[in-house]
């Protein structure tokens, strides 16, 4: 696997985001915030890194 992808997915919040998006048909920001148990600011940063 690409090292930059490995580094991206080592973060537990980003890994949980990806796992959630794979397992549901749709979700919104608040759902991801609840699932990841993160703050609004932190979730926003993690989503930008995955973009």
PDB file of N, CA and C in Angstrom:
ATOM      1  N   UNK A   1       0.844  -1.178   0.000  1.00  0.00           N
ATOM      2  CA  UNK A   1       0.000   0.000   0.000  1.00  0.00           C
ATOM      3  C   UNK A   1       0.887   1.239   0.000  1.00  0.00           C
ATOM      4  N   UNK A   2       0.404   2.275  -0.576  1.00  0.00           N
ATOM      5  CA  UNK A   2       1.117   3.539  -0.654  1.00  0.00           C
ATOM      6  C   UNK A   2       1.369   4.096   0.751  1.00  0.00           C
ATOM      7  N   UNK A   3       2.592   4.564   1.013  1.00  0.00           N
ATOM      8  CA  UNK A   3       2.935   5.066   2.351  1.00  0.00           C
ATOM      9  C   UNK A   3       2.089   6.258   2.766  1.00  0.00           C
ATOM     10  N   UNK A   4       1.731   7.122   1.824  1.00  0.00           N
ATOM     11  CA  UNK A   4       0.904   8.281   2.187  1.00  0.00           C
ATOM     12  C   UNK A   4      -0.504   7.841   2.588  1.00  0.00           C
ATOM     13  N   UNK A   5      -1.013   6.792   1.961  1.00  0.00           N
ATOM     14  CA  UNK A   5      -2.324   6.254   2.340  1.00  0.00           C
ATOM     15  C   UNK A   5      -2.228   5.592   3.705  1.00  0.00           C
ATOM     16  N   UNK A   6      -1.151   4.836   3.933  1.00  0.00           N
ATOM     17  CA  UNK A   6      -0.942   4.221   5.243  1.00  0.00           C
ATOM     18  C   UNK A   6      -0.957   5.279   6.337  1.00  0.00           C
ATOM     19  N   UNK A   7      -0.224   6.362   6.114  1.00  0.00           N
ATOM     20  CA  UNK A   7      -0.134   7.435   7.103  1.00  0.00           C
ATOM     21  C   UNK A   7      -1.501   8.072   7.342  1.00  0.00           C
ATOM     22  N   UNK A   8      -2.270   8.249   6.284  1.00  0.00           N
ATOM     23  CA  UNK A   8      -3.609   8.827   6.417  1.00  0.00           C
ATOM     24  C   UNK A   8      -4.508   7.963   7.293  1.00  0.00           C
ATOM     25  N   UNK A   9      -4.431   6.649   7.098  1.00  0.00           N
ATOM     26  CA  UNK A   9      -5.347   5.744   7.789  1.00  0.00           C
ATOM     27  C   UNK A   9      -4.858   5.321   9.165  1.00  0.00           C
ATOM     28  N   UNK A  10      -3.658   5.707   9.555  1.00  0.00           N
ATOM     29  CA  UNK A  10      -3.181   5.388  10.898  1.00  0.00           C
ATOM     30  C   UNK A  10      -3.918   6.187  11.964  1.00  0.00           C
ATOM     31  N   UNK A  11      -4.481   7.304  11.594  1.00  0.00           N
ATOM     32  CA  UNK A  11      -5.244   8.105  12.540  1.00  0.00           C
ATOM     33  C   UNK A  11      -6.566   7.399  12.838  1.00  0.00           C
ATOM     34  N   UNK A  12      -6.875   7.130  14.113  1.00  0.00           N
ATOM     35  CA  UNK A  12      -8.095   6.380  14.439  1.00  0.00           C
ATOM     36  C   UNK A  12      -9.393   7.061  14.002  1.00  0.00           C
ATOM     37  N   UNK A  13      -9.437   8.381  14.045  1.00  0.00           N
ATOM     38  CA  UNK A  13     -10.658   9.080  13.619  1.00  0.00           C
ATOM     39  C   UNK A  13     -10.854   8.929  12.118  1.00  0.00           C
ATOM     40  N   UNK A  14      -9.786   9.104  11.339  1.00  0.00           N
ATOM     41  CA  UNK A  14      -9.910   8.958   9.880  1.00  0.00           C
ATOM     42  C   UNK A  14     -10.262   7.524   9.507  1.00  0.00           C
ATOM     43  N   UNK A  15      -9.703   6.564  10.208  1.00  0.00           N
ATOM     44  CA  UNK A  15     -10.028   5.164   9.939  1.00  0.00           C
ATOM     45  C   UNK A  15     -11.497   4.889  10.245  1.00  0.00           C
ATOM     46  N   UNK A  16     -11.995   5.451  11.337  1.00  0.00           N
ATOM     47  CA  UNK A  16     -13.403   5.269  11.689  1.00  0.00           C
ATOM     48  C   UNK A  16     -14.317   5.950  10.666  1.00  0.00           C
ATOM     49  N   UNK A  17     -13.906   7.104  10.158  1.00  0.00           N
ATOM     50  CA  UNK A  17     -14.679   7.801   9.121  1.00  0.00           C
ATOM     51  C   UNK A  17     -14.796   6.913   7.883  1.00  0.00           C
ATOM     52  N   UNK A  18     -13.672   6.391   7.418  1.00  0.00           N
ATOM     53  CA  UNK A  18     -13.669   5.534   6.228  1.00  0.00           C
ATOM     54  C   UNK A  18     -14.510   4.287   6.462  1.00  0.00           C
ATOM     55  N   UNK A  19     -14.348   3.653   7.616  1.00  0.00           N
ATOM     56  CA  UNK A  19     -15.123   2.449   7.934  1.00  0.00           C
ATOM     57  C   UNK A  19     -16.616   2.740   7.939  1.00  0.00           C
ATOM     58  N   UNK A  20     -16.984   3.872   8.491  1.00  0.00           N
ATOM     59  CA  UNK A  20     -18.398   4.252   8.547  1.00  0.00           C
ATOM     60  C   UNK A  20     -18.946   4.512   7.149  1.00  0.00           C
ATOM     61  N   UNK A  21     -18.206   5.262   6.351  1.00  0.00           N
ATOM     62  CA  UNK A  21     -18.678   5.587   5.002  1.00  0.00           C
ATOM     63  C   UNK A  21     -18.829   4.342   4.134  1.00  0.00           C
ATOM     64  N   UNK A  22     -18.001   3.345   4.369  1.00  0.00           N
ATOM     65  CA  UNK A  22     -18.102   2.092   3.616  1.00  0.00           C
ATOM     66  C   UNK A  22     -19.346   1.308   4.030  1.00  0.00           C
ATOM     67  N   UNK A  23     -19.723   1.412   5.301  1.00  0.00           N
ATOM     68  CA  UNK A  23     -20.774   0.543   5.822  1.00  0.00           C
ATOM     69  C   UNK A  23     -22.192   1.120   5.776  1.00  0.00           C
ATOM     70  N   UNK A  24     -22.348   2.397   5.457  1.00  0.00           N
ATOM     71  CA  UNK A  24     -23.690   2.989   5.406  1.00  0.00           C
ATOM     72  C   UNK A  24     -23.971   3.535   4.007  1.00  0.00           C
ATOM     73  N   UNK A  25     -25.251   3.657   3.692  1.00  0.00           N
ATOM     74  CA  UNK A  25     -25.592   4.180   2.367  1.00  0.00           C
ATOM     75  C   UNK A  25     -25.480   5.701   2.313  1.00  0.00           C
ATOM     76  N   UNK A  26     -25.725   6.363   3.442  1.00  0.00           N
ATOM     77  CA  UNK A  26     -25.526   7.811   3.507  1.00  0.00           C
ATOM     78  C   UNK A  26     -25.387   8.231   4.966  1.00  0.00           C
ATOM     79  N   UNK A  27     -24.711   9.342   5.169  1.00  0.00           N
ATOM     80  CA  UNK A  27     -24.587   9.913   6.510  1.00  0.00           C
ATOM     81  C   UNK A  27     -24.252  11.388   6.381  1.00  0.00           C
ATOM     82  N   UNK A  28     -24.408  12.099   7.476  1.00  0.00           N
ATOM     83  CA  UNK A  28     -24.082  13.521   7.463  1.00  0.00           C
ATOM     84  C   UNK A  28     -22.992  13.812   8.492  1.00  0.00           C
ATOM     85  N   UNK A  29     -22.613  15.072   8.556  1.00  0.00           N
ATOM     86  CA  UNK A  29     -21.526  15.501   9.431  1.00  0.00           C
ATOM     87  C   UNK A  29     -21.820  15.152  10.888  1.00  0.00           C
ATOM     88  N   UNK A  30     -23.048  15.405  11.337  1.00  0.00           N
ATOM     89  CA  UNK A  30     -23.399  15.143  12.733  1.00  0.00           C
ATOM     90  C   UNK A  30     -23.339  13.658  13.069  1.00  0.00           C
ATOM     91  N   UNK A  31     -23.717  12.819  12.123  1.00  0.00           N
ATOM     92  CA  UNK A  31     -23.625  11.373  12.338  1.00  0.00           C
ATOM     93  C   UNK A  31     -22.158  10.967  12.498  1.00  0.00           C
ATOM     94  N   UNK A  32     -21.287  11.465  11.628  1.00  0.00           N
ATOM     95  CA  UNK A  32     -19.860  11.156  11.738  1.00  0.00           C
ATOM     96  C   UNK A  32     -19.286  11.696  13.045  1.00  0.00           C
ATOM     97  N   UNK A  33     -19.739  12.855  13.454  1.00  0.00           N
ATOM     98  CA  UNK A  33     -19.276  13.450  14.714  1.00  0.00           C
ATOM     99  C   UNK A  33     -19.633  12.539  15.889  1.00  0.00           C
ATOM    100  N   UNK A  34     -20.851  12.011  15.869  1.00  0.00           N
ATOM    101  CA  UNK A  34     -21.297  11.114  16.937  1.00  0.00           C
ATOM    102  C   UNK A  34     -20.515   9.800  16.905  1.00  0.00           C
ATOM    103  N   UNK A  35     -20.371   9.213  15.732  1.00  0.00           N
ATOM    104  CA  UNK A  35     -19.684   7.926  15.596  1.00  0.00           C
ATOM    105  C   UNK A  35     -18.218   8.030  16.000  1.00  0.00           C
ATOM    106  N   UNK A  36     -17.565   9.103  15.604  1.00  0.00           N
ATOM    107  CA  UNK A  36     -16.133   9.251  15.889  1.00  0.00           C
ATOM    108  C   UNK A  36     -15.867   9.841  17.271  1.00  0.00           C
ATOM    109  N   UNK A  37     -16.921  10.342  17.915  1.00  0.00           N
ATOM    110  CA  UNK A  37     -16.793  10.970  19.236  1.00  0.00           C
ATOM    111  C   UNK A  37     -15.756  12.094  19.219  1.00  0.00           C
ATOM    112  N   UNK A  38     -15.763  12.859  18.147  1.00  0.00           N
ATOM    113  CA  UNK A  38     -14.803  13.958  18.033  1.00  0.00           C
ATOM    114  C   UNK A  38     -15.531  15.299  18.049  1.00  0.00           C
ATOM    115  N   UNK A  39     -14.754  16.340  18.223  1.00  0.00           N
ATOM    116  CA  UNK A  39     -15.331  17.681  18.194  1.00  0.00           C
ATOM    117  C   UNK A  39     -15.601  18.089  16.751  1.00  0.00           C
ATOM    118  N   UNK A  40     -16.394  19.108  16.590  1.00  0.00           N
ATOM    119  CA  UNK A  40     -16.711  19.610  15.252  1.00  0.00           C
ATOM    120  C   UNK A  40     -15.439  20.050  14.531  1.00  0.00           C
ATOM    121  N   UNK A  41     -14.577  20.762  15.237  1.00  0.00           N
ATOM    122  CA  UNK A  41     -13.338  21.249  14.629  1.00  0.00           C
ATOM    123  C   UNK A  41     -12.407  20.131  14.218  1.00  0.00           C
ATOM    124  N   UNK A  42     -12.237  19.151  15.095  1.00  0.00           N
ATOM    125  CA  UNK A  42     -11.340  18.041  14.782  1.00  0.00           C
ATOM    126  C   UNK A  42     -11.881  17.210  13.623  1.00  0.00           C
ATOM    127  N   UNK A  43     -13.177  16.939  13.629  1.00  0.00           N
ATOM    128  CA  UNK A  43     -13.762  16.167  12.536  1.00  0.00           C
ATOM    129  C   UNK A  43     -13.594  16.899  11.213  1.00  0.00           C
ATOM    130  N   UNK A  44     -13.792  18.191  11.222  1.00  0.00           N
ATOM    131  CA  UNK A  44     -13.625  18.990  10.014  1.00  0.00           C
ATOM    132  C   UNK A  44     -12.199  18.877   9.472  1.00  0.00           C
ATOM    133  N   UNK A  45     -11.226  18.965  10.358  1.00  0.00           N
ATOM    134  CA  UNK A  45      -9.818  18.841   9.951  1.00  0.00           C
ATOM    135  C   UNK A  45      -9.544  17.459   9.371  1.00  0.00           C
ATOM    136  N   UNK A  46     -10.049  16.419  10.021  1.00  0.00           N
ATOM    137  CA  UNK A  46      -9.799  15.054   9.556  1.00  0.00           C
ATOM    138  C   UNK A  46     -10.459  14.806   8.197  1.00  0.00           C
ATOM    139  N   UNK A  47     -11.653  15.350   7.998  1.00  0.00           N
ATOM    140  CA  UNK A  47     -12.319  15.206   6.700  1.00  0.00           C
ATOM    141  C   UNK A  47     -11.547  15.927   5.596  1.00  0.00           C
ATOM    142  N   UNK A  48     -11.005  17.092   5.905  1.00  0.00           N
ATOM    143  CA  UNK A  48     -10.204  17.823   4.913  1.00  0.00           C
ATOM    144  C   UNK A  48      -8.960  17.034   4.531  1.00  0.00           C
ATOM    145  N   UNK A  49      -8.352  16.353   5.490  1.00  0.00           N
ATOM    146  CA  UNK A  49      -7.164  15.551   5.196  1.00  0.00           C
ATOM    147  C   UNK A  49      -7.504  14.367   4.296  1.00  0.00           C
ATOM    148  N   UNK A  50      -8.718  13.840   4.434  1.00  0.00           N
ATOM    149  CA  UNK A  50      -9.138  12.716   3.593  1.00  0.00           C
ATOM    150  C   UNK A  50      -9.556  13.161   2.195  1.00  0.00           C
ATOM    151  N   UNK A  51      -9.846  14.428   2.044  1.00  0.00           N
ATOM    152  CA  UNK A  51     -10.297  14.962   0.761  1.00  0.00           C
ATOM    153  C   UNK A  51      -9.184  14.853  -0.226  1.00  0.00           C
TER     154      UNK A  51
END
